[in-house]
Amino acid sequence: MTHVTNHVTLIGNLGNDPTFFGNGDNTGARFNLATNEVFGSGEDRSQRTDWHRVICWGGLATSAKHLSKGDKVTLAGKLRSNDFEDDDGTKRRVIEVHASSIEFLNVKSFRDR
């Protein structure tokens, strides 16, 4: 039997200040993370930016209060897909990264102290 793992590691910059929801042990934080990929060289050099929706819970969500738009982080977690119907009744799917760890690489709130 083959062992399959759902694990993702990203390094990028926050696209927005985290938003918080829930309370107590069910506290969560949500933010968007931009990752950049550069490929090619010389005149053929191109860059692609991908956006990832990140969710974190508990103490990790509490630590996200130190983050703001533009901060650089590395995070590890797993991918989760959520299906829903929008206001028009159209079925949609969103892929989220449920973070299990976040390392602050370049965070303004710590730099400005």
PDB file of N, CA and C in Angstrom:
ATOM      1  N   MET A   1       0.845  -1.184   0.000  1.00  0.00           N
ATOM      2  CA  MET A   1       0.000   0.000   0.000  1.00  0.00           C
ATOM      3  C   MET A   1       0.889   1.246   0.000  1.00  0.00           C
ATOM      4  N   THR A   2       0.565   2.214  -0.824  1.00  0.00           N
ATOM      5  CA  THR A   2       1.329   3.444  -0.936  1.00  0.00           C
ATOM      6  C   THR A   2       0.810   4.473   0.053  1.00  0.00           C
ATOM      7  N   HIS A   3       1.728   5.128   0.734  1.00  0.00           N
ATOM      8  CA  HIS A   3       1.367   6.189   1.681  1.00  0.00           C
ATOM      9  C   HIS A   3       1.321   7.522   0.930  1.00  0.00           C
ATOM     10  N   VAL A   4       0.208   8.218   1.005  1.00  0.00           N
ATOM     11  CA  VAL A   4       0.029   9.499   0.329  1.00  0.00           C
ATOM     12  C   VAL A   4      -0.090  10.588   1.381  1.00  0.00           C
ATOM     13  N   THR A   5       0.646  11.672   1.189  1.00  0.00           N
ATOM     14  CA  THR A   5       0.667  12.754   2.161  1.00  0.00           C
ATOM     15  C   THR A   5       0.146  14.038   1.541  1.00  0.00           C
ATOM     16  N   ASN A   6      -0.656  14.757   2.276  1.00  0.00           N
ATOM     17  CA  ASN A   6      -1.155  16.074   1.882  1.00  0.00           C
ATOM     18  C   ASN A   6      -0.360  17.095   2.682  1.00  0.00           C
ATOM     19  N   HIS A   7       0.689  17.653   2.080  1.00  0.00           N
ATOM     20  CA  HIS A   7       1.546  18.601   2.776  1.00  0.00           C
ATOM     21  C   HIS A   7       1.994  19.672   1.786  1.00  0.00           C
ATOM     22  N   VAL A   8       1.944  20.928   2.215  1.00  0.00           N
ATOM     23  CA  VAL A   8       2.383  22.031   1.369  1.00  0.00           C
ATOM     24  C   VAL A   8       3.236  22.974   2.210  1.00  0.00           C
ATOM     25  N   THR A   9       4.298  23.513   1.598  1.00  0.00           N
ATOM     26  CA  THR A   9       5.131  24.526   2.223  1.00  0.00           C
ATOM     27  C   THR A   9       5.202  25.701   1.261  1.00  0.00           C
ATOM     28  N   LEU A  10       4.922  26.898   1.763  1.00  0.00           N
ATOM     29  CA  LEU A  10       4.914  28.099   0.932  1.00  0.00           C
ATOM     30  C   LEU A  10       5.750  29.199   1.574  1.00  0.00           C
ATOM     31  N   ILE A  11       6.393  30.006   0.749  1.00  0.00           N
ATOM     32  CA  ILE A  11       7.049  31.235   1.190  1.00  0.00           C
ATOM     33  C   ILE A  11       6.455  32.347   0.353  1.00  0.00           C
ATOM     34  N   GLY A  12       5.930  33.383   1.018  1.00  0.00           N
ATOM     35  CA  GLY A  12       5.319  34.474   0.271  1.00  0.00           C
ATOM     36  C   GLY A  12       5.000  35.655   1.156  1.00  0.00           C
ATOM     37  N   ASN A  13       4.276  36.608   0.562  1.00  0.00           N
ATOM     38  CA  ASN A  13       3.897  37.838   1.241  1.00  0.00           C
ATOM     39  C   ASN A  13       2.389  37.913   1.409  1.00  0.00           C
ATOM     40  N   LEU A  14       1.971  38.410   2.586  1.00  0.00           N
ATOM     41  CA  LEU A  14       0.539  38.576   2.845  1.00  0.00           C
ATOM     42  C   LEU A  14      -0.045  39.617   1.899  1.00  0.00           C
ATOM     43  N   GLY A  15      -1.182  39.299   1.323  1.00  0.00           N
ATOM     44  CA  GLY A  15      -1.862  40.219   0.424  1.00  0.00           C
ATOM     45  C   GLY A  15      -2.865  41.101   1.143  1.00  0.00           C
ATOM     46  N   ASN A  16      -3.128  40.807   2.400  1.00  0.00           N
ATOM     47  CA  ASN A  16      -4.069  41.589   3.199  1.00  0.00           C
ATOM     48  C   ASN A  16      -3.768  41.349   4.679  1.00  0.00           C
ATOM     49  N   ASP A  17      -4.270  42.242   5.527  1.00  0.00           N
ATOM     50  CA  ASP A  17      -4.189  42.006   6.964  1.00  0.00           C
ATOM     51  C   ASP A  17      -5.057  40.797   7.296  1.00  0.00           C
ATOM     52  N   PRO A  18      -4.633  39.958   8.237  1.00  0.00           N
ATOM     53  CA  PRO A  18      -5.474  38.820   8.620  1.00  0.00           C
ATOM     54  C   PRO A  18      -6.825  39.286   9.175  1.00  0.00           C
ATOM     55  N   THR A  19      -7.863  38.499   8.909  1.00  0.00           N
ATOM     56  CA  THR A  19      -9.156  38.723   9.531  1.00  0.00           C
ATOM     57  C   THR A  19      -9.370  37.579  10.511  1.00  0.00           C
ATOM     58  N   PHE A  20     -10.076  37.865  11.589  1.00  0.00           N
ATOM     59  CA  PHE A  20     -10.232  36.897  12.672  1.00  0.00           C
ATOM     60  C   PHE A  20     -11.702  36.541  12.844  1.00  0.00           C
ATOM     61  N   PHE A  21     -11.958  35.302  13.244  1.00  0.00           N
ATOM     62  CA  PHE A  21     -13.331  34.832  13.437  1.00  0.00           C
ATOM     63  C   PHE A  21     -13.345  33.829  14.579  1.00  0.00           C
ATOM     64  N   GLY A  22     -14.520  33.587  15.126  1.00  0.00           N
ATOM     65  CA  GLY A  22     -14.671  32.648  16.231  1.00  0.00           C
ATOM     66  C   GLY A  22     -14.160  33.237  17.533  1.00  0.00           C
ATOM     67  N   ASN A  23     -14.096  32.383  18.560  1.00  0.00           N
ATOM     68  CA  ASN A  23     -13.573  32.818  19.855  1.00  0.00           C
ATOM     69  C   ASN A  23     -13.092  31.617  20.652  1.00  0.00           C
ATOM     70  N   GLY A  24     -12.304  31.882  21.684  1.00  0.00           N
ATOM     71  CA  GLY A  24     -11.782  30.812  22.532  1.00  0.00           C
ATOM     72  C   GLY A  24     -10.942  29.837  21.737  1.00  0.00           C
ATOM     73  N   ASP A  25     -11.159  28.541  21.969  1.00  0.00           N
ATOM     74  CA  ASP A  25     -10.397  27.504  21.270  1.00  0.00           C
ATOM     75  C   ASP A  25     -10.740  27.437  19.786  1.00  0.00           C
ATOM     76  N   ASN A  26     -11.850  28.044  19.407  1.00  0.00           N
ATOM     77  CA  ASN A  26     -12.276  28.029  18.007  1.00  0.00           C
ATOM     78  C   ASN A  26     -11.898  29.306  17.269  1.00  0.00           C
ATOM     79  N   THR A  27     -10.917  30.057  17.783  1.00  0.00           N
ATOM     80  CA  THR A  27     -10.474  31.270  17.112  1.00  0.00           C
ATOM     81  C   THR A  27      -9.713  30.908  15.847  1.00  0.00           C
ATOM     82  N   GLY A  28     -10.039  31.593  14.775  1.00  0.00           N
ATOM     83  CA  GLY A  28      -9.354  31.362  13.507  1.00  0.00           C
ATOM     84  C   GLY A  28      -8.911  32.672  12.887  1.00  0.00           C
ATOM     85  N   ALA A  29      -7.955  32.577  11.991  1.00  0.00           N
ATOM     86  CA  ALA A  29      -7.489  33.734  11.221  1.00  0.00           C
ATOM     87  C   ALA A  29      -7.439  33.326   9.756  1.00  0.00           C
ATOM     88  N   ARG A  30      -7.688  34.292   8.893  1.00  0.00           N
ATOM     89  CA  ARG A  30      -7.709  34.050   7.448  1.00  0.00           C
ATOM     90  C   ARG A  30      -6.937  35.187   6.777  1.00  0.00           C
ATOM     91  N   PHE A  31      -6.075  34.821   5.818  1.00  0.00           N
ATOM     92  CA  PHE A  31      -5.392  35.837   5.013  1.00  0.00           C
ATOM     93  C   PHE A  31      -5.000  35.229   3.676  1.00  0.00           C
ATOM     94  N   ASN A  32      -4.651  36.083   2.735  1.00  0.00           N
ATOM     95  CA  ASN A  32      -4.199  35.649   1.418  1.00  0.00           C
ATOM     96  C   ASN A  32      -2.688  35.776   1.351  1.00  0.00           C
ATOM     97  N   LEU A  33      -2.047  34.802   0.724  1.00  0.00           N
ATOM     98  CA  LEU A  33      -0.598  34.775   0.589  1.00  0.00           C
ATOM     99  C   LEU A  33      -0.238  34.729  -0.889  1.00  0.00           C
ATOM    100  N   ALA A  34       0.646  35.635  -1.316  1.00  0.00           N
ATOM    101  CA  ALA A  34       1.123  35.663  -2.697  1.00  0.00           C
ATOM    102  C   ALA A  34       2.471  34.959  -2.781  1.00  0.00           C
ATOM    103  N   THR A  35       2.589  34.030  -3.720  1.00  0.00           N
ATOM    104  CA  THR A  35       3.869  33.397  -4.000  1.00  0.00           C
ATOM    105  C   THR A  35       4.246  33.731  -5.436  1.00  0.00           C
ATOM    106  N   ASN A  36       5.541  33.904  -5.679  1.00  0.00           N
ATOM    107  CA  ASN A  36       6.023  34.282  -7.007  1.00  0.00           C
ATOM    108  C   ASN A  36       6.945  33.213  -7.555  1.00  0.00           C
ATOM    109  N   GLU A  37       6.805  32.957  -8.840  1.00  0.00           N
ATOM    110  CA  GLU A  37       7.673  32.026  -9.534  1.00  0.00           C
ATOM    111  C   GLU A  37       8.263  32.759 -10.731  1.00  0.00           C
ATOM    112  N   VAL A  38       9.573  32.777 -10.826  1.00  0.00           N
ATOM    113  CA  VAL A  38      10.264  33.408 -11.942  1.00  0.00           C
ATOM    114  C   VAL A  38      10.829  32.297 -12.808  1.00  0.00           C
ATOM    115  N   PHE A  39      10.611  32.394 -14.111  1.00  0.00           N
ATOM    116  CA  PHE A  39      11.127  31.381 -15.021  1.00  0.00           C
ATOM    117  C   PHE A  39      11.618  32.045 -16.291  1.00  0.00           C
ATOM    118  N   GLY A  40      12.467  31.331 -16.998  1.00  0.00           N
ATOM    119  CA  GLY A  40      13.093  31.878 -18.189  1.00  0.00           C
ATOM    120  C   GLY A  40      14.290  32.735 -17.813  1.00  0.00           C
ATOM    121  N   SER A  41      14.922  33.319 -18.826  1.00  0.00           N
ATOM    122  CA  SER A  41      16.065  34.199 -18.575  1.00  0.00           C
ATOM    123  C   SER A  41      16.135  35.263 -19.653  1.00  0.00           C
ATOM    124  N   GLY A  42      16.871  36.297 -19.347  1.00  0.00           N
ATOM    125  CA  GLY A  42      17.046  37.387 -20.309  1.00  0.00           C
ATOM    126  C   GLY A  42      15.719  38.011 -20.688  1.00  0.00           C
ATOM    127  N   GLU A  43      15.540  38.223 -21.986  1.00  0.00           N
ATOM    128  CA  GLU A  43      14.304  38.839 -22.483  1.00  0.00           C
ATOM    129  C   GLU A  43      13.096  37.917 -22.329  1.00  0.00           C
ATOM    130  N   ASP A  44      13.340  36.623 -22.178  1.00  0.00           N
ATOM    131  CA  ASP A  44      12.252  35.651 -22.031  1.00  0.00           C
ATOM    132  C   ASP A  44      11.862  35.436 -20.577  1.00  0.00           C
ATOM    133  N   ARG A  45      12.448  36.202 -19.675  1.00  0.00           N
ATOM    134  CA  ARG A  45      12.165  36.044 -18.241  1.00  0.00           C
ATOM    135  C   ARG A  45      10.733  36.496 -17.946  1.00  0.00           C
ATOM    136  N   SER A  46      10.013  35.655 -17.218  1.00  0.00           N
ATOM    137  CA  SER A  46       8.629  35.957 -16.847  1.00  0.00           C
ATOM    138  C   SER A  46       8.421  35.652 -15.373  1.00  0.00           C
ATOM    139  N   GLN A  47       7.392  36.235 -14.824  1.00  0.00           N
ATOM    140  CA  GLN A  47       7.042  35.984 -13.427  1.00  0.00           C
ATOM    141  C   GLN A  47       5.561  35.665 -13.343  1.00  0.00           C
ATOM    142  N   ARG A  48       5.256  34.714 -12.493  1.00  0.00           N
ATOM    143  CA  ARG A  48       3.860  34.338 -12.238  1.00  0.00           C
ATOM    144  C   ARG A  48       3.611  34.476 -10.742  1.00  0.00           C
ATOM    145  N   THR A  49       2.510  35.114 -10.392  1.00  0.00           N
ATOM    146  CA  THR A  49       2.095  35.231  -8.994  1.00  0.00           C
ATOM    147  C   THR A  49       0.853  34.384  -8.782  1.00  0.00           C
ATOM    148  N   ASP A  50       0.903  33.528  -7.772  1.00  0.00           N
ATOM    149  CA  ASP A  50      -0.255  32.732  -7.377  1.00  0.00           C
ATOM    150  C   ASP A  50      -0.720  33.199  -6.007  1.00  0.00           C
ATOM    151  N   TRP A  51      -2.033  33.170  -5.806  1.00  0.00           N
ATOM    152  CA  TRP A  51      -2.634  33.586  -4.535  1.00  0.00           C
ATOM    153  C   TRP A  51      -3.206  32.373  -3.825  1.00  0.00           C
ATOM    154  N   HIS A  52      -2.945  32.294  -2.526  1.00  0.00           N
ATOM    155  CA  HIS A  52      -3.385  31.170  -1.707  1.00  0.00           C
ATOM    156  C   HIS A  52      -4.182  31.702  -0.519  1.00  0.00           C
ATOM    157  N   ARG A  53      -5.341  31.113  -0.273  1.00  0.00           N
ATOM    158  CA  ARG A  53      -6.135  31.456   0.907  1.00  0.00           C
ATOM    159  C   ARG A  53      -5.641  30.598   2.059  1.00  0.00           C
ATOM    160  N   VAL A  54      -5.234  31.248   3.156  1.00  0.00           N
ATOM    161  CA  VAL A  54      -4.661  30.549   4.303  1.00  0.00           C
ATOM    162  C   VAL A  54      -5.591  30.680   5.496  1.00  0.00           C
ATOM    163  N   ILE A  55      -5.797  29.570   6.201  1.00  0.00           N
ATOM    164  CA  ILE A  55      -6.594  29.524   7.430  1.00  0.00           C
ATOM    165  C   ILE A  55      -5.692  28.966   8.529  1.00  0.00           C
ATOM    166  N   CYS A  56      -5.729  29.557   9.711  1.00  0.00           N
ATOM    167  CA  CYS A  56      -5.019  28.983  10.857  1.00  0.00           C
ATOM    168  C   CYS A  56      -5.916  29.087  12.087  1.00  0.00           C
ATOM    169  N   TRP A  57      -5.665  28.223  13.057  1.00  0.00           N
ATOM    170  CA  TRP A  57      -6.543  28.070  14.215  1.00  0.00           C
ATOM    171  C   TRP A  57      -5.774  28.197  15.526  1.00  0.00           C
ATOM    172  N   GLY A  58      -6.499  28.472  16.603  1.00  0.00           N
ATOM    173  CA  GLY A  58      -5.966  28.449  17.964  1.00  0.00           C
ATOM    174  C   GLY A  58      -4.818  29.417  18.179  1.00  0.00           C
ATOM    175  N   GLY A  59      -3.738  28.907  18.795  1.00  0.00           N
ATOM    176  CA  GLY A  59      -2.580  29.746  19.101  1.00  0.00           C
ATOM    177  C   GLY A  59      -1.925  30.312  17.863  1.00  0.00           C
ATOM    178  N   LEU A  60      -1.959  29.556  16.772  1.00  0.00           N
ATOM    179  CA  LEU A  60      -1.397  30.048  15.517  1.00  0.00           C
ATOM    180  C   LEU A  60      -2.193  31.249  15.014  1.00  0.00           C
ATOM    181  N   ALA A  61      -3.514  31.195  15.160  1.00  0.00           N
ATOM    182  CA  ALA A  61      -4.356  32.337  14.772  1.00  0.00           C
ATOM    183  C   ALA A  61      -4.069  33.536  15.668  1.00  0.00           C
ATOM    184  N   THR A  62      -3.850  33.286  16.953  1.00  0.00           N
ATOM    185  CA  THR A  62      -3.531  34.374  17.882  1.00  0.00           C
ATOM    186  C   THR A  62      -2.220  35.045  17.493  1.00  0.00           C
ATOM    187  N   SER A  63      -1.215  34.257  17.090  1.00  0.00           N
ATOM    188  CA  SER A  63       0.066  34.846  16.692  1.00  0.00           C
ATOM    189  C   SER A  63      -0.045  35.628  15.393  1.00  0.00           C
ATOM    190  N   ALA A  64      -1.062  35.337  14.578  1.00  0.00           N
ATOM    191  CA  ALA A  64      -1.254  36.055  13.311  1.00  0.00           C
ATOM    192  C   ALA A  64      -1.625  37.510  13.537  1.00  0.00           C
ATOM    193  N   LYS A  65      -1.972  37.894  14.781  1.00  0.00           N
ATOM    194  CA  LYS A  65      -2.293  39.299  15.049  1.00  0.00           C
ATOM    195  C   LYS A  65      -1.078  40.197  14.829  1.00  0.00           C
ATOM    196  N   HIS A  66       0.130  39.615  14.803  1.00  0.00           N
ATOM    197  CA  HIS A  66       1.357  40.377  14.560  1.00  0.00           C
ATOM    198  C   HIS A  66       1.620  40.592  13.071  1.00  0.00           C
ATOM    199  N   LEU A  67       0.828  39.959  12.213  1.00  0.00           N
ATOM    200  CA  LEU A  67       1.041  40.036  10.767  1.00  0.00           C
ATOM    201  C   LEU A  67       0.211  41.140  10.137  1.00  0.00           C
ATOM    202  N   SER A  68       0.718  41.680   9.040  1.00  0.00           N
ATOM    203  CA  SER A  68      -0.044  42.663   8.272  1.00  0.00           C
ATOM    204  C   SER A  68       0.332  42.546   6.795  1.00  0.00           C
ATOM    205  N   LYS A  69      -0.439  43.208   5.967  1.00  0.00           N
ATOM    206  CA  LYS A  69      -0.247  43.175   4.519  1.00  0.00           C
ATOM    207  C   LYS A  69       1.210  43.461   4.180  1.00  0.00           C
ATOM    208  N   GLY A  70       1.778  42.625   3.298  1.00  0.00           N
ATOM    209  CA  GLY A  70       3.152  42.803   2.840  1.00  0.00           C
ATOM    210  C   GLY A  70       4.179  41.997   3.601  1.00  0.00           C
ATOM    211  N   ASP A  71       3.842  41.500   4.805  1.00  0.00           N
ATOM    212  CA  ASP A  71       4.790  40.718   5.601  1.00  0.00           C
ATOM    213  C   ASP A  71       5.143  39.417   4.888  1.00  0.00           C
ATOM    214  N   LYS A  72       6.417  39.016   5.017  1.00  0.00           N
ATOM    215  CA  LYS A  72       6.887  37.778   4.395  1.00  0.00           C
ATOM    216  C   LYS A  72       6.925  36.670   5.431  1.00  0.00           C
ATOM    217  N   VAL A  73       6.343  35.524   5.084  1.00  0.00           N
ATOM    218  CA  VAL A  73       6.291  34.369   5.980  1.00  0.00           C
ATOM    219  C   VAL A  73       6.573  33.101   5.188  1.00  0.00           C
ATOM    220  N   THR A  74       6.957  32.062   5.922  1.00  0.00           N
ATOM    221  CA  THR A  74       6.949  30.717   5.369  1.00  0.00           C
ATOM    222  C   THR A  74       5.964  29.912   6.211  1.00  0.00           C
ATOM    223  N   LEU A  75       5.194  29.082   5.566  1.00  0.00           N
ATOM    224  CA  LEU A  75       4.210  28.305   6.318  1.00  0.00           C
ATOM    225  C   LEU A  75       4.134  26.893   5.780  1.00  0.00           C
ATOM    226  N   ALA A  76       3.709  26.008   6.654  1.00  0.00           N
ATOM    227  CA  ALA A  76       3.483  24.613   6.282  1.00  0.00           C
ATOM    228  C   ALA A  76       2.060  24.257   6.682  1.00  0.00           C
ATOM    229  N   GLY A  77       1.468  23.366   5.943  1.00  0.00           N
ATOM    230  CA  GLY A  77       0.105  22.945   6.256  1.00  0.00           C
ATOM    231  C   GLY A  77      -0.379  21.924   5.245  1.00  0.00           C
ATOM    232  N   LYS A  78      -1.696  21.829   5.131  1.00  0.00           N
ATOM    233  CA  LYS A  78      -2.293  20.901   4.177  1.00  0.00           C
ATOM    234  C   LYS A  78      -3.377  21.614   3.383  1.00  0.00           C
ATOM    235  N   LEU A  79      -3.663  21.081   2.215  1.00  0.00           N
ATOM    236  CA  LEU A  79      -4.688  21.648   1.352  1.00  0.00           C
ATOM    237  C   LEU A  79      -6.044  21.063   1.716  1.00  0.00           C
ATOM    238  N   ARG A  80      -7.041  21.930   1.725  1.00  0.00           N
ATOM    239  CA  ARG A  80      -8.426  21.512   1.944  1.00  0.00           C
ATOM    240  C   ARG A  80      -9.289  22.147   0.869  1.00  0.00           C
ATOM    241  N   SER A  81     -10.212  21.391   0.328  1.00  0.00           N
ATOM    242  CA  SER A  81     -11.163  21.953  -0.637  1.00  0.00           C
ATOM    243  C   SER A  81     -12.533  22.040   0.022  1.00  0.00           C
ATOM    244  N   ASN A  82     -13.207  23.130  -0.240  1.00  0.00           N
ATOM    245  CA  ASN A  82     -14.553  23.349   0.291  1.00  0.00           C
ATOM    246  C   ASN A  82     -15.487  23.682  -0.863  1.00  0.00           C
ATOM    247  N   ASP A  83     -16.579  22.943  -0.952  1.00  0.00           N
ATOM    248  CA  ASP A  83     -17.593  23.188  -1.968  1.00  0.00           C
ATOM    249  C   ASP A  83     -18.734  23.991  -1.359  1.00  0.00           C
ATOM    250  N   PHE A  84     -19.280  24.929  -2.156  1.00  0.00           N
ATOM    251  CA  PHE A  84     -20.395  25.735  -1.684  1.00  0.00           C
ATOM    252  C   PHE A  84     -21.162  26.281  -2.883  1.00  0.00           C
ATOM    253  N   GLU A  85     -22.344  26.827  -2.615  1.00  0.00           N
ATOM    254  CA  GLU A  85     -23.116  27.514  -3.645  1.00  0.00           C
ATOM    255  C   GLU A  85     -23.065  28.999  -3.374  1.00  0.00           C
ATOM    256  N   ASP A  86     -22.785  29.780  -4.429  1.00  0.00           N
ATOM    257  CA  ASP A  86     -22.753  31.230  -4.252  1.00  0.00           C
ATOM    258  C   ASP A  86     -24.174  31.790  -4.247  1.00  0.00           C
ATOM    259  N   ASP A  87     -24.295  33.102  -4.156  1.00  0.00           N
ATOM    260  CA  ASP A  87     -25.607  33.743  -4.064  1.00  0.00           C
ATOM    261  C   ASP A  87     -26.482  33.487  -5.290  1.00  0.00           C
ATOM    262  N   ASP A  88     -25.851  33.190  -6.428  1.00  0.00           N
ATOM    263  CA  ASP A  88     -26.609  32.917  -7.657  1.00  0.00           C
ATOM    264  C   ASP A  88     -26.954  31.441  -7.811  1.00  0.00           C
ATOM    265  N   GLY A  89     -26.550  30.615  -6.819  1.00  0.00           N
ATOM    266  CA  GLY A  89     -26.825  29.187  -6.882  1.00  0.00           C
ATOM    267  C   GLY A  89     -25.795  28.397  -7.673  1.00  0.00           C
ATOM    268  N   THR A  90     -24.716  29.066  -8.084  1.00  0.00           N
ATOM    269  CA  THR A  90     -23.658  28.390  -8.822  1.00  0.00           C
ATOM    270  C   THR A  90     -22.763  27.626  -7.846  1.00  0.00           C
ATOM    271  N   LYS A  91     -22.473  26.366  -8.181  1.00  0.00           N
ATOM    272  CA  LYS A  91     -21.602  25.567  -7.326  1.00  0.00           C
ATOM    273  C   LYS A  91     -20.162  26.023  -7.511  1.00  0.00           C
ATOM    274  N   ARG A  92     -19.476  26.227  -6.401  1.00  0.00           N
ATOM    275  CA  ARG A  92     -18.089  26.699  -6.398  1.00  0.00           C
ATOM    276  C   ARG A  92     -17.239  25.795  -5.519  1.00  0.00           C
ATOM    277  N   ARG A  93     -15.938  25.835  -5.766  1.00  0.00           N
ATOM    278  CA  ARG A  93     -14.979  25.117  -4.921  1.00  0.00           C
ATOM    279  C   ARG A  93     -13.824  26.076  -4.638  1.00  0.00           C
ATOM    280  N   VAL A  94     -13.418  26.137  -3.393  1.00  0.00           N
ATOM    281  CA  VAL A  94     -12.265  26.935  -2.998  1.00  0.00           C
ATOM    282  C   VAL A  94     -11.250  25.997  -2.357  1.00  0.00           C
ATOM    283  N   ILE A  95      -9.987  26.207  -2.699  1.00  0.00           N
ATOM    284  CA  ILE A  95      -8.891  25.433  -2.113  1.00  0.00           C
ATOM    285  C   ILE A  95      -8.206  26.330  -1.092  1.00  0.00           C
ATOM    286  N   GLU A  96      -8.070  25.848   0.131  1.00  0.00           N
ATOM    287  CA  GLU A  96      -7.447  26.613   1.211  1.00  0.00           C
ATOM    288  C   GLU A  96      -6.245  25.855   1.748  1.00  0.00           C
ATOM    289  N   VAL A  97      -5.282  26.606   2.263  1.00  0.00           N
ATOM    290  CA  VAL A  97      -4.161  26.021   2.985  1.00  0.00           C
ATOM    291  C   VAL A  97      -4.490  26.136   4.463  1.00  0.00           C
ATOM    292  N   HIS A  98      -4.609  25.016   5.160  1.00  0.00           N
ATOM    293  CA  HIS A  98      -4.821  25.021   6.607  1.00  0.00           C
ATOM    294  C   HIS A  98      -3.439  24.900   7.246  1.00  0.00           C
ATOM    295  N   ALA A  99      -2.945  26.037   7.745  1.00  0.00           N
ATOM    296  CA  ALA A  99      -1.575  26.116   8.239  1.00  0.00           C
ATOM    297  C   ALA A  99      -1.412  25.387   9.566  1.00  0.00           C
ATOM    298  N   SER A 100      -0.297  24.673   9.690  1.00  0.00           N
ATOM    299  CA  SER A 100       0.060  24.031  10.959  1.00  0.00           C
ATOM    300  C   SER A 100       1.266  24.715  11.602  1.00  0.00           C
ATOM    301  N   SER A 101       1.998  25.518  10.809  1.00  0.00           N
ATOM    302  CA  SER A 101       3.097  26.317  11.355  1.00  0.00           C
ATOM    303  C   SER A 101       3.314  27.534  10.462  1.00  0.00           C
ATOM    304  N   ILE A 102       3.717  28.632  11.087  1.00  0.00           N
ATOM    305  CA  ILE A 102       4.043  29.865  10.363  1.00  0.00           C
ATOM    306  C   ILE A 102       5.318  30.426  10.965  1.00  0.00           C
ATOM    307  N   GLU A 103       6.273  30.734  10.097  1.00  0.00           N
ATOM    308  CA  GLU A 103       7.512  31.375  10.541  1.00  0.00           C
ATOM    309  C   GLU A 103       7.537  32.786   9.967  1.00  0.00           C
ATOM    310  N   PHE A 104       7.729  33.766  10.843  1.00  0.00           N
ATOM    311  CA  PHE A 104       7.768  35.161  10.416  1.00  0.00           C
ATOM    312  C   PHE A 104       9.161  35.444   9.846  1.00  0.00           C
ATOM    313  N   LEU A 105       9.248  35.823   8.586  1.00  0.00           N
ATOM    314  CA  LEU A 105      10.533  36.089   7.948  1.00  0.00           C
ATOM    315  C   LEU A 105      10.869  37.579   7.936  1.00  0.00           C
ATOM    316  N   ASN A 106       9.909  38.409   7.622  1.00  0.00           N
ATOM    317  CA  ASN A 106      10.131  39.850   7.551  1.00  0.00           C
ATOM    318  C   ASN A 106       8.807  40.521   7.910  1.00  0.00           C
ATOM    319  N   VAL A 107       8.633  40.792   9.193  1.00  0.00           N
ATOM    320  CA  VAL A 107       7.350  41.266   9.714  1.00  0.00           C
ATOM    321  C   VAL A 107       7.506  42.690  10.226  1.00  0.00           C
ATOM    322  N   LYS A 108       6.716  43.609   9.671  1.00  0.00           N
ATOM    323  CA  LYS A 108       6.830  45.030  10.010  1.00  0.00           C
ATOM    324  C   LYS A 108       6.648  45.312  11.494  1.00  0.00           C
ATOM    325  N   SER A 109       5.719  44.620  12.170  1.00  0.00           N
ATOM    326  CA  SER A 109       5.457  44.927  13.563  1.00  0.00           C
ATOM    327  C   SER A 109       6.678  44.661  14.443  1.00  0.00           C
ATOM    328  N   PHE A 110       7.544  43.725  14.033  1.00  0.00           N
ATOM    329  CA  PHE A 110       8.769  43.456  14.784  1.00  0.00           C
ATOM    330  C   PHE A 110       9.910  44.361  14.333  1.00  0.00           C
ATOM    331  N   ARG A 111       9.949  44.702  13.042  1.00  0.00           N
ATOM    332  CA  ARG A 111      10.987  45.569  12.502  1.00  0.00           C
ATOM    333  C   ARG A 111      10.907  46.973  13.070  1.00  0.00           C
ATOM    334  N   ASP A 112       9.686  47.467  13.310  1.00  0.00           N
ATOM    335  CA  ASP A 112       9.482  48.854  13.707  1.00  0.00           C
ATOM    336  C   ASP A 112       9.672  49.090  15.191  1.00  0.00           C
ATOM    337  N   ARG A 113      10.054  48.076  15.939  1.00  0.00           N
ATOM    338  CA  ARG A 113      10.237  48.248  17.396  1.00  0.00           C
ATOM    339  C   ARG A 113      11.520  48.938  17.699  1.00  0.00           C
TER     340      ARG A 113
END
